[in-house]
Every structure is written in structure tokens, then in C-alpha cells.
Amino acid sequence: MKFVFERKINYYETDRMGVVHHSNYIRYMEEARCSWLENIEIPFSLLEENNITIPVLGVNCTYKYHVTFEDIIVIRLYVKEYSGVRMTIGYEITDKKTGKIVIIGETKHCFTDKNLKPINLKKYNPEFSNKFQVLLEE
């Protein structure tokens, strides 16, 4: 199942050429990921209450097209890989008006306790783990 998040581009996010600066797309992916976690009822606040963090291990983006001020982007997010210890989330960002693909990306994560010690979510919190597993299978 893909989660869909929409966002309007702000003026301050553009560069001298009038296009979104490439570094902002990583923020957009994080905004979508936070919204997605809320949508699946595992917001960051609940993770933290359960002494769980999901640090980013890596980010990969392929830039295909650009967007500018006031454009609306659509971010489709989905679980690409999930092992209980690590998770990869895929992103497809498109321009809502044109439908053109702007970016294809992914973020790689691991699960840790509050001391940043790696954990296996399948053992540490089976309820949360099952939600990620179901999303991977969809």
C-alpha cells in the first residue's frame, strides 16, 4: 500500500534559478514519513514513549525533473524492505499539475532503543513490527 502526502512548495525553498534546491527533497521525504507514521498510528511520539528510535542510515535520490514556487508535489511512500532490524522506505515524488516524476528516492533506517542500541522490532515490540510487516506485504 502506498501512502500519499501532498505539499505546496514555499518560496524560500527555491534557489536563484527559481527551482527547489535539491537538499529540500530530503526534508520533504521526512515530512511524508512523519505523516505516514501518524497515519499508521505509530507517530514518533509513541515510538519515543516506547523507547524506540528509527535513525536514518542512508538516503538515495535520483532527480528527474524540477518544481518551482507554489507547485504542489505528491509524495507516494511505501515500505520496500523490512526485516525487524532494518527498513527501507521508497518514495516517488511527482508534480501534481503535470504528473511528471520529480524524484525517485529511498531512505534506509534501523530500529534502536533510546540509547541507540540496535533492536529487533519483531521481538522488542511485535505490535509495531506487525504493522510494518503488513505494509511490506501489501
Protein backbone atom coordinates (compact mmCIF):
# COMPACT_ATOMS: atom_id res chain seq x y z
CA MET A 1 0.00 0.00 0.00
CA LYS A 2 1.33 3.41 -0.92
CA PHE A 3 0.75 6.37 1.37
CA VAL A 4 0.15 9.71 -0.38
CA PHE A 5 1.29 13.07 1.02
CA GLU A 6 0.84 16.43 -0.72
CA ARG A 7 2.83 19.59 -0.13
CA LYS A 8 2.97 23.06 -1.65
CA ILE A 9 6.41 24.48 -2.42
CA ASN A 10 7.40 27.60 -0.46
CA TYR A 11 9.37 30.48 -1.98
CA TYR A 12 12.25 30.14 0.50
CA GLU A 13 12.83 26.57 -0.70
CA THR A 14 13.86 27.69 -4.17
CA ASP A 15 17.29 28.73 -5.39
CA ARG A 16 18.46 31.58 -7.65
CA MET A 17 17.20 29.67 -10.67
CA GLY A 18 13.69 29.58 -9.17
CA VAL A 19 13.63 25.81 -8.69
CA VAL A 20 13.51 23.83 -5.47
CA HIS A 21 17.01 23.36 -4.07
CA HIS A 22 17.95 19.68 -4.21
CA SER A 23 18.57 19.42 -0.45
CA ASN A 24 14.92 20.20 0.34
CA TYR A 25 13.71 16.91 -1.09
CA ILE A 26 15.25 15.05 1.85
CA ARG A 27 13.14 17.23 4.16
CA TYR A 28 10.04 16.53 2.08
CA MET A 29 10.66 12.80 2.41
CA GLU A 30 10.95 13.21 6.18
CA GLU A 31 7.71 15.22 6.32
CA ALA A 32 5.95 12.47 4.36
CA ARG A 33 7.47 9.78 6.60
CA CYS A 34 6.28 11.57 9.77
CA SER A 35 2.77 11.94 8.32
CA TRP A 36 2.80 8.28 7.26
CA LEU A 37 3.77 7.13 10.76
CA GLU A 38 0.88 9.15 12.18
CA ASN A 39 -1.43 7.62 9.58
CA ILE A 40 -0.48 4.06 10.57
CA GLU A 41 -0.91 5.05 14.24
CA ILE A 42 2.76 4.82 15.19
CA PRO A 43 3.71 8.52 15.46
CA PHE A 44 7.22 9.43 16.55
CA SER A 45 5.87 10.45 19.97
CA LEU A 46 4.52 6.91 20.52
CA LEU A 47 7.77 5.36 19.32
CA GLU A 48 9.70 7.55 21.76
CA GLU A 49 7.30 6.63 24.60
CA ASN A 50 8.23 3.03 23.84
CA ASN A 51 11.96 3.87 23.80
CA ILE A 52 12.25 3.28 20.06
CA THR A 53 14.05 5.44 17.51
CA ILE A 54 14.35 4.99 13.75
CA PRO A 55 17.57 6.71 12.68
CA VAL A 56 18.31 7.27 9.02
CA LEU A 57 21.23 5.19 7.76
CA GLY A 58 21.20 6.44 4.19
CA VAL A 59 19.35 8.46 1.59
CA ASN A 60 19.34 7.90 -2.15
CA CYS A 61 17.67 10.21 -4.67
CA THR A 62 17.52 10.34 -8.43
CA TYR A 63 16.39 13.73 -9.65
CA LYS A 64 14.25 13.53 -12.78
CA TYR A 65 12.53 16.92 -13.10
CA HIS A 66 12.21 20.18 -11.20
CA VAL A 67 9.40 22.01 -9.42
CA THR A 68 9.12 25.69 -8.53
CA PHE A 69 7.42 28.05 -6.08
CA GLU A 70 3.73 27.28 -5.49
CA ASP A 71 3.85 23.94 -7.30
CA ILE A 72 2.26 21.09 -5.37
CA ILE A 73 4.18 17.86 -5.06
CA VAL A 74 2.67 14.46 -4.39
CA ILE A 75 4.84 12.05 -2.42
CA ARG A 76 3.98 8.37 -2.62
CA LEU A 77 5.68 6.42 0.14
CA TYR A 78 5.87 2.65 0.63
CA VAL A 79 7.85 0.04 2.57
CA LYS A 80 10.39 -1.56 0.21
CA GLU A 81 12.19 -3.79 2.73
CA TYR A 82 11.58 -4.71 6.35
CA SER A 83 13.48 -7.21 8.49
CA GLY A 84 12.61 -6.13 12.03
CA VAL A 85 16.09 -4.67 12.42
CA ARG A 86 16.19 -2.53 9.26
CA MET A 87 13.66 -0.92 6.97
CA THR A 88 13.87 0.75 3.56
CA ILE A 89 11.19 3.23 2.55
CA GLY A 90 10.65 4.13 -1.10
CA TYR A 91 9.42 7.49 -2.38
CA GLU A 92 8.07 8.69 -5.70
CA ILE A 93 7.64 12.45 -5.87
CA THR A 94 5.58 13.88 -8.71
CA ASP A 95 4.36 17.30 -9.79
CA LYS A 96 0.62 17.28 -9.11
CA LYS A 97 -0.21 19.52 -12.05
CA THR A 98 1.84 17.78 -14.74
CA GLY A 99 2.15 14.28 -13.29
CA LYS A 100 5.87 14.31 -14.12
CA ILE A 101 8.14 12.32 -11.84
CA VAL A 102 10.36 14.76 -9.95
CA ILE A 103 12.33 12.32 -7.80
CA ILE A 104 12.65 8.62 -7.13
CA GLY A 105 14.21 8.05 -3.72
CA GLU A 106 14.63 5.86 -0.70
CA THR A 107 15.68 6.12 2.91
CA LYS A 108 17.28 3.30 4.85
CA HIS A 109 16.65 3.01 8.59
CA CYS A 110 17.37 0.81 11.56
CA PHE A 111 15.49 0.42 14.83
CA THR A 112 17.24 1.28 18.08
CA ASP A 113 16.40 1.75 21.72
CA LYS A 114 16.71 5.19 23.33
CA ASN A 115 20.47 4.58 23.82
CA LEU A 116 20.84 3.96 20.07
CA LYS A 117 21.50 0.25 20.62
CA PRO A 118 20.12 -1.74 17.64
CA ILE A 119 16.99 -3.75 18.39
CA ASN A 120 14.89 -6.30 16.57
CA LEU A 121 11.44 -4.74 16.49
CA LYS A 122 9.87 -8.19 15.96
CA LYS A 123 10.97 -9.11 19.49
CA TYR A 124 11.04 -5.64 21.09
CA ASN A 125 7.52 -4.58 20.03
CA PRO A 126 5.64 -7.18 17.96
CA GLU A 127 2.58 -4.91 17.60
CA PHE A 128 4.57 -2.20 15.81
CA SER A 129 6.52 -4.80 13.85
CA ASN A 130 3.34 -6.41 12.54
CA LYS A 131 2.16 -3.08 11.10
CA PHE A 132 5.41 -2.64 9.14
CA GLN A 133 5.33 -6.29 8.01
CA VAL A 134 1.77 -5.97 6.68
CA LEU A 135 2.70 -2.79 4.78
CA LEU A 136 5.68 -4.57 3.22
CA GLU A 137 3.47 -7.43 2.06
CA GLU A 138 0.92 -5.08 0.50
